Amino acid sequence: MSEKLKPCPFCGVTPDVDYELGEQNWKKWFVKCHTKYCPVDKTDWSVNKQIAIDTWNTRHKEERG
């Protein structure tokens, strides 16, 4: 597991890792592409930074015909 983020699959920009404070000041981590018109949504909330990164870096393998 690595903290290095893969680039956005649509625009190629390196995304941001960030968090918002939830109830009782819990950090809710997510990864999001910061390109204005990129169609990629942020990841679901994660309980820690590494899980958010791993979620972003996990991609479906492209099927070849």
PDB file of N, CA and C in Angstrom:
ATOM      1  N   MET A   1       0.840  -1.179   0.000  1.00  0.00           N
ATOM      2  CA  MET A   1       0.000   0.000   0.000  1.00  0.00           C
ATOM      3  C   MET A   1       0.882   1.238   0.000  1.00  0.00           C
ATOM      4  N   SER A   2       0.537   2.138  -0.844  1.00  0.00           N
ATOM      5  CA  SER A   2       1.365   3.317  -1.049  1.00  0.00           C
ATOM      6  C   SER A   2       0.546   4.579  -0.860  1.00  0.00           C
ATOM      7  N   GLU A   3       1.210   5.635  -0.427  1.00  0.00           N
ATOM      8  CA  GLU A   3       0.518   6.916  -0.321  1.00  0.00           C
ATOM      9  C   GLU A   3       0.542   7.660  -1.639  1.00  0.00           C
ATOM     10  N   LYS A   4       1.193   7.115  -2.656  1.00  0.00           N
ATOM     11  CA  LYS A   4       1.246   7.776  -3.952  1.00  0.00           C
ATOM     12  C   LYS A   4      -0.079   7.573  -4.678  1.00  0.00           C
ATOM     13  N   LEU A   5      -0.663   8.666  -5.127  1.00  0.00           N
ATOM     14  CA  LEU A   5      -1.947   8.618  -5.821  1.00  0.00           C
ATOM     15  C   LEU A   5      -1.757   8.425  -7.318  1.00  0.00           C
ATOM     16  N   LYS A   6      -2.593   7.595  -7.907  1.00  0.00           N
ATOM     17  CA  LYS A   6      -2.618   7.476  -9.354  1.00  0.00           C
ATOM     18  C   LYS A   6      -3.283   8.728  -9.910  1.00  0.00           C
ATOM     19  N   PRO A   7      -2.926   9.124 -11.128  1.00  0.00           N
ATOM     20  CA  PRO A   7      -3.584  10.294 -11.720  1.00  0.00           C
ATOM     21  C   PRO A   7      -5.057  10.001 -12.012  1.00  0.00           C
ATOM     22  N   CYS A   8      -5.816  11.047 -12.201  1.00  0.00           N
ATOM     23  CA  CYS A   8      -7.234  10.915 -12.542  1.00  0.00           C
ATOM     24  C   CYS A   8      -7.360  10.143 -13.856  1.00  0.00           C
ATOM     25  N   PRO A   9      -8.257   9.158 -13.928  1.00  0.00           N
ATOM     26  CA  PRO A   9      -8.388   8.369 -15.147  1.00  0.00           C
ATOM     27  C   PRO A   9      -8.986   9.142 -16.324  1.00  0.00           C
ATOM     28  N   PHE A  10      -9.565  10.309 -16.077  1.00  0.00           N
ATOM     29  CA  PHE A  10     -10.174  11.080 -17.163  1.00  0.00           C
ATOM     30  C   PHE A  10      -9.295  12.229 -17.632  1.00  0.00           C
ATOM     31  N   CYS A  11      -8.734  12.983 -16.697  1.00  0.00           N
ATOM     32  CA  CYS A  11      -7.983  14.172 -17.113  1.00  0.00           C
ATOM     33  C   CYS A  11      -6.481  14.064 -16.870  1.00  0.00           C
ATOM     34  N   GLY A  12      -6.026  13.051 -16.116  1.00  0.00           N
ATOM     35  CA  GLY A  12      -4.608  12.830 -15.901  1.00  0.00           C
ATOM     36  C   GLY A  12      -3.958  13.661 -14.814  1.00  0.00           C
ATOM     37  N   VAL A  13      -4.725  14.504 -14.134  1.00  0.00           N
ATOM     38  CA  VAL A  13      -4.196  15.360 -13.073  1.00  0.00           C
ATOM     39  C   VAL A  13      -4.076  14.555 -11.771  1.00  0.00           C
ATOM     40  N   THR A  14      -3.065  14.859 -10.974  1.00  0.00           N
ATOM     41  CA  THR A  14      -2.937  14.226  -9.661  1.00  0.00           C
ATOM     42  C   THR A  14      -4.008  14.808  -8.744  1.00  0.00           C
ATOM     43  N   PRO A  15      -4.825  13.953  -8.124  1.00  0.00           N
ATOM     44  CA  PRO A  15      -5.911  14.441  -7.278  1.00  0.00           C
ATOM     45  C   PRO A  15      -5.428  14.902  -5.904  1.00  0.00           C
ATOM     46  N   ASP A  16      -6.344  15.412  -5.118  1.00  0.00           N
ATOM     47  CA  ASP A  16      -6.055  15.867  -3.760  1.00  0.00           C
ATOM     48  C   ASP A  16      -6.620  14.882  -2.746  1.00  0.00           C
ATOM     49  N   VAL A  17      -5.906  14.711  -1.634  1.00  0.00           N
ATOM     50  CA  VAL A  17      -6.419  13.957  -0.490  1.00  0.00           C
ATOM     51  C   VAL A  17      -6.822  14.998   0.538  1.00  0.00           C
ATOM     52  N   ASP A  18      -8.024  14.883   1.054  1.00  0.00           N
ATOM     53  CA  ASP A  18      -8.511  15.878   2.003  1.00  0.00           C
ATOM     54  C   ASP A  18      -9.455  15.201   2.987  1.00  0.00           C
ATOM     55  N   TYR A  19      -9.900  15.953   3.963  1.00  0.00           N
ATOM     56  CA  TYR A  19     -10.867  15.427   4.920  1.00  0.00           C
ATOM     57  C   TYR A  19     -11.815  16.533   5.343  1.00  0.00           C
ATOM     58  N   GLU A  20     -12.962  16.105   5.823  1.00  0.00           N
ATOM     59  CA  GLU A  20     -13.913  17.005   6.462  1.00  0.00           C
ATOM     60  C   GLU A  20     -14.134  16.480   7.862  1.00  0.00           C
ATOM     61  N   LEU A  21     -14.450  17.364   8.766  1.00  0.00           N
ATOM     62  CA  LEU A  21     -14.724  16.930  10.136  1.00  0.00           C
ATOM     63  C   LEU A  21     -16.174  16.500  10.257  1.00  0.00           C
ATOM     64  N   GLY A  22     -16.354  15.309  10.775  1.00  0.00           N
ATOM     65  CA  GLY A  22     -17.691  14.777  10.979  1.00  0.00           C
ATOM     66  C   GLY A  22     -18.122  14.979  12.419  1.00  0.00           C
ATOM     67  N   GLU A  23     -19.099  14.193  12.810  1.00  0.00           N
ATOM     68  CA  GLU A  23     -19.579  14.261  14.188  1.00  0.00           C
ATOM     69  C   GLU A  23     -18.434  13.937  15.139  1.00  0.00           C
ATOM     70  N   GLN A  24     -18.407  14.594  16.244  1.00  0.00           N
ATOM     71  CA  GLN A  24     -17.385  14.412  17.277  1.00  0.00           C
ATOM     72  C   GLN A  24     -15.974  14.604  16.734  1.00  0.00           C
ATOM     73  N   ASN A  25     -15.856  15.470  15.722  1.00  0.00           N
ATOM     74  CA  ASN A  25     -14.570  15.824  15.118  1.00  0.00           C
ATOM     75  C   ASN A  25     -13.811  14.654  14.510  1.00  0.00           C
ATOM     76  N   TRP A  26     -14.505  13.630  14.053  1.00  0.00           N
ATOM     77  CA  TRP A  26     -13.874  12.531  13.317  1.00  0.00           C
ATOM     78  C   TRP A  26     -13.488  13.042  11.939  1.00  0.00           C
ATOM     79  N   LYS A  27     -12.320  12.683  11.487  1.00  0.00           N
ATOM     80  CA  LYS A  27     -11.896  13.049  10.133  1.00  0.00           C
ATOM     81  C   LYS A  27     -12.507  12.057   9.152  1.00  0.00           C
ATOM     82  N   LYS A  28     -13.159  12.579   8.124  1.00  0.00           N
ATOM     83  CA  LYS A  28     -13.737  11.764   7.051  1.00  0.00           C
ATOM     84  C   LYS A  28     -12.900  12.024   5.805  1.00  0.00           C
ATOM     85  N   TRP A  29     -12.005  11.071   5.482  1.00  0.00           N
ATOM     86  CA  TRP A  29     -11.044  11.237   4.405  1.00  0.00           C
ATOM     87  C   TRP A  29     -11.656  10.913   3.053  1.00  0.00           C
ATOM     88  N   PHE A  30     -11.203  11.617   2.022  1.00  0.00           N
ATOM     89  CA  PHE A  30     -11.627  11.339   0.651  1.00  0.00           C
ATOM     90  C   PHE A  30     -10.555  11.824  -0.317  1.00  0.00           C
ATOM     91  N   VAL A  31     -10.631  11.337  -1.549  1.00  0.00           N
ATOM     92  CA  VAL A  31      -9.737  11.785  -2.621  1.00  0.00           C
ATOM     93  C   VAL A  31     -10.620  12.365  -3.710  1.00  0.00           C
ATOM     94  N   LYS A  32     -10.189  13.488  -4.269  1.00  0.00           N
ATOM     95  CA  LYS A  32     -10.995  14.159  -5.287  1.00  0.00           C
ATOM     96  C   LYS A  32     -10.110  14.817  -6.323  1.00  0.00           C
ATOM     97  N   CYS A  33     -10.516  14.670  -7.580  1.00  0.00           N
ATOM     98  CA  CYS A  33      -9.851  15.394  -8.663  1.00  0.00           C
ATOM     99  C   CYS A  33     -10.282  16.861  -8.561  1.00  0.00           C
ATOM    100  N   HIS A  34      -9.330  17.757  -8.720  1.00  0.00           N
ATOM    101  CA  HIS A  34      -9.645  19.182  -8.553  1.00  0.00           C
ATOM    102  C   HIS A  34      -9.805  19.926  -9.878  1.00  0.00           C
ATOM    103  N   THR A  35      -9.797  19.195 -10.998  1.00  0.00           N
ATOM    104  CA  THR A  35     -10.017  19.834 -12.287  1.00  0.00           C
ATOM    105  C   THR A  35     -11.481  20.253 -12.394  1.00  0.00           C
ATOM    106  N   LYS A  36     -11.730  21.466 -12.788  1.00  0.00           N
ATOM    107  CA  LYS A  36     -13.068  22.055 -12.738  1.00  0.00           C
ATOM    108  C   LYS A  36     -14.148  21.226 -13.438  1.00  0.00           C
ATOM    109  N   TYR A  37     -13.906  20.764 -14.643  1.00  0.00           N
ATOM    110  CA  TYR A  37     -14.954  20.075 -15.396  1.00  0.00           C
ATOM    111  C   TYR A  37     -14.772  18.555 -15.457  1.00  0.00           C
ATOM    112  N   CYS A  38     -13.939  18.016 -14.612  1.00  0.00           N
ATOM    113  CA  CYS A  38     -13.699  16.573 -14.610  1.00  0.00           C
ATOM    114  C   CYS A  38     -14.946  15.849 -14.086  1.00  0.00           C
ATOM    115  N   PRO A  39     -15.365  14.769 -14.751  1.00  0.00           N
ATOM    116  CA  PRO A  39     -16.578  14.060 -14.339  1.00  0.00           C
ATOM    117  C   PRO A  39     -16.382  13.095 -13.174  1.00  0.00           C
ATOM    118  N   VAL A  40     -15.177  12.955 -12.665  1.00  0.00           N
ATOM    119  CA  VAL A  40     -14.918  11.997 -11.595  1.00  0.00           C
ATOM    120  C   VAL A  40     -15.351  12.575 -10.252  1.00  0.00           C
ATOM    121  N   ASP A  41     -16.171  11.820  -9.524  1.00  0.00           N
ATOM    122  CA  ASP A  41     -16.590  12.230  -8.184  1.00  0.00           C
ATOM    123  C   ASP A  41     -15.512  11.872  -7.171  1.00  0.00           C
ATOM    124  N   LYS A  42     -15.602  12.480  -6.002  1.00  0.00           N
ATOM    125  CA  LYS A  42     -14.681  12.108  -4.935  1.00  0.00           C
ATOM    126  C   LYS A  42     -15.007  10.695  -4.452  1.00  0.00           C
ATOM    127  N   THR A  43     -14.053  10.089  -3.780  1.00  0.00           N
ATOM    128  CA  THR A  43     -14.273   8.759  -3.228  1.00  0.00           C
ATOM    129  C   THR A  43     -15.264   8.844  -2.071  1.00  0.00           C
ATOM    130  N   ASP A  44     -15.802   7.713  -1.683  1.00  0.00           N
ATOM    131  CA  ASP A  44     -16.640   7.677  -0.484  1.00  0.00           C
ATOM    132  C   ASP A  44     -15.777   8.023   0.722  1.00  0.00           C
ATOM    133  N   TRP A  45     -16.418   8.425   1.812  1.00  0.00           N
ATOM    134  CA  TRP A  45     -15.703   8.756   3.034  1.00  0.00           C
ATOM    135  C   TRP A  45     -14.960   7.535   3.537  1.00  0.00           C
ATOM    136  N   SER A  46     -13.781   7.740   4.098  1.00  0.00           N
ATOM    137  CA  SER A  46     -12.981   6.665   4.688  1.00  0.00           C
ATOM    138  C   SER A  46     -12.558   7.078   6.082  1.00  0.00           C
ATOM    139  N   VAL A  47     -12.309   6.083   6.912  1.00  0.00           N
ATOM    140  CA  VAL A  47     -11.940   6.376   8.294  1.00  0.00           C
ATOM    141  C   VAL A  47     -10.487   6.804   8.436  1.00  0.00           C
ATOM    142  N   ASN A  48      -9.676   6.517   7.413  1.00  0.00           N
ATOM    143  CA  ASN A  48      -8.306   7.017   7.466  1.00  0.00           C
ATOM    144  C   ASN A  48      -7.793   7.343   6.070  1.00  0.00           C
ATOM    145  N   LYS A  49      -6.711   8.078   6.037  1.00  0.00           N
ATOM    146  CA  LYS A  49      -6.155   8.586   4.788  1.00  0.00           C
ATOM    147  C   LYS A  49      -5.749   7.457   3.847  1.00  0.00           C
ATOM    148  N   GLN A  50      -5.098   6.416   4.377  1.00  0.00           N
ATOM    149  CA  GLN A  50      -4.605   5.340   3.520  1.00  0.00           C
ATOM    150  C   GLN A  50      -5.745   4.584   2.843  1.00  0.00           C
ATOM    151  N   ILE A  51      -6.856   4.372   3.517  1.00  0.00           N
ATOM    152  CA  ILE A  51      -8.000   3.701   2.901  1.00  0.00           C
ATOM    153  C   ILE A  51      -8.554   4.552   1.762  1.00  0.00           C
ATOM    154  N   ALA A  52      -8.605   5.856   1.948  1.00  0.00           N
ATOM    155  CA  ALA A  52      -9.075   6.747   0.878  1.00  0.00           C
ATOM    156  C   ALA A  52      -8.157   6.658  -0.338  1.00  0.00           C
ATOM    157  N   ILE A  53      -6.858   6.640  -0.113  1.00  0.00           N
ATOM    158  CA  ILE A  53      -5.896   6.529  -1.207  1.00  0.00           C
ATOM    159  C   ILE A  53      -6.038   5.188  -1.914  1.00  0.00           C
ATOM    160  N   ASP A  54      -6.138   4.119  -1.146  1.00  0.00           N
ATOM    161  CA  ASP A  54      -6.292   2.786  -1.740  1.00  0.00           C
ATOM    162  C   ASP A  54      -7.574   2.691  -2.559  1.00  0.00           C
ATOM    163  N   THR A  55      -8.635   3.308  -2.082  1.00  0.00           N
ATOM    164  CA  THR A  55      -9.908   3.305  -2.813  1.00  0.00           C
ATOM    165  C   THR A  55      -9.740   4.016  -4.153  1.00  0.00           C
ATOM    166  N   TRP A  56      -9.098   5.175  -4.145  1.00  0.00           N
ATOM    167  CA  TRP A  56      -8.873   5.915  -5.393  1.00  0.00           C
ATOM    168  C   TRP A  56      -8.011   5.102  -6.357  1.00  0.00           C
ATOM    169  N   ASN A  57      -6.968   4.492  -5.840  1.00  0.00           N
ATOM    170  CA  ASN A  57      -6.020   3.768  -6.685  1.00  0.00           C
ATOM    171  C   ASN A  57      -6.555   2.442  -7.211  1.00  0.00           C
ATOM    172  N   THR A  58      -7.642   1.957  -6.649  1.00  0.00           N
ATOM    173  CA  THR A  58      -8.230   0.702  -7.107  1.00  0.00           C
ATOM    174  C   THR A  58      -9.098   1.001  -8.319  1.00  0.00           C
ATOM    175  N   ARG A  59      -8.769   0.369  -9.439  1.00  0.00           N
ATOM    176  CA  ARG A  59      -9.503   0.615 -10.678  1.00  0.00           C
ATOM    177  C   ARG A  59      -9.949  -0.702 -11.261  1.00  0.00           C
ATOM    178  N   HIS A  60     -11.068  -0.656 -11.954  1.00  0.00           N
ATOM    179  CA  HIS A  60     -11.509  -1.831 -12.688  1.00  0.00           C
ATOM    180  C   HIS A  60     -10.570  -2.016 -13.874  1.00  0.00           C
ATOM    181  N   LYS A  61     -10.201  -3.253 -14.140  1.00  0.00           N
ATOM    182  CA  LYS A  61      -9.346  -3.509 -15.293  1.00  0.00           C
ATOM    183  C   LYS A  61     -10.155  -3.352 -16.568  1.00  0.00           C
ATOM    184  N   GLU A  62      -9.573  -2.671 -17.523  1.00  0.00           N
ATOM    185  CA  GLU A  62     -10.226  -2.449 -18.800  1.00  0.00           C
ATOM    186  C   GLU A  62     -10.281  -3.770 -19.576  1.00  0.00           C
ATOM    187  N   GLU A  63     -11.474  -4.132 -20.016  1.00  0.00           N
ATOM    188  CA  GLU A  63     -11.607  -5.356 -20.793  1.00  0.00           C
ATOM    189  C   GLU A  63     -11.259  -5.072 -22.241  1.00  0.00           C
ATOM    190  N   ARG A  64     -10.563  -5.990 -22.850  1.00  0.00           N
ATOM    191  CA  ARG A  64     -10.173  -5.816 -24.250  1.00  0.00           C
ATOM    192  C   ARG A  64     -10.900  -6.847 -25.094  1.00  0.00           C
ATOM    193  N   GLY A  65     -11.447  -6.395 -26.221  1.00  0.00           N
ATOM    194  CA  GLY A  65     -12.239  -7.241 -27.067  1.00  0.00           C
ATOM    195  C   GLY A  65     -11.489  -7.957 -28.073  1.00  0.00           C
TER     196      GLY A  65
END
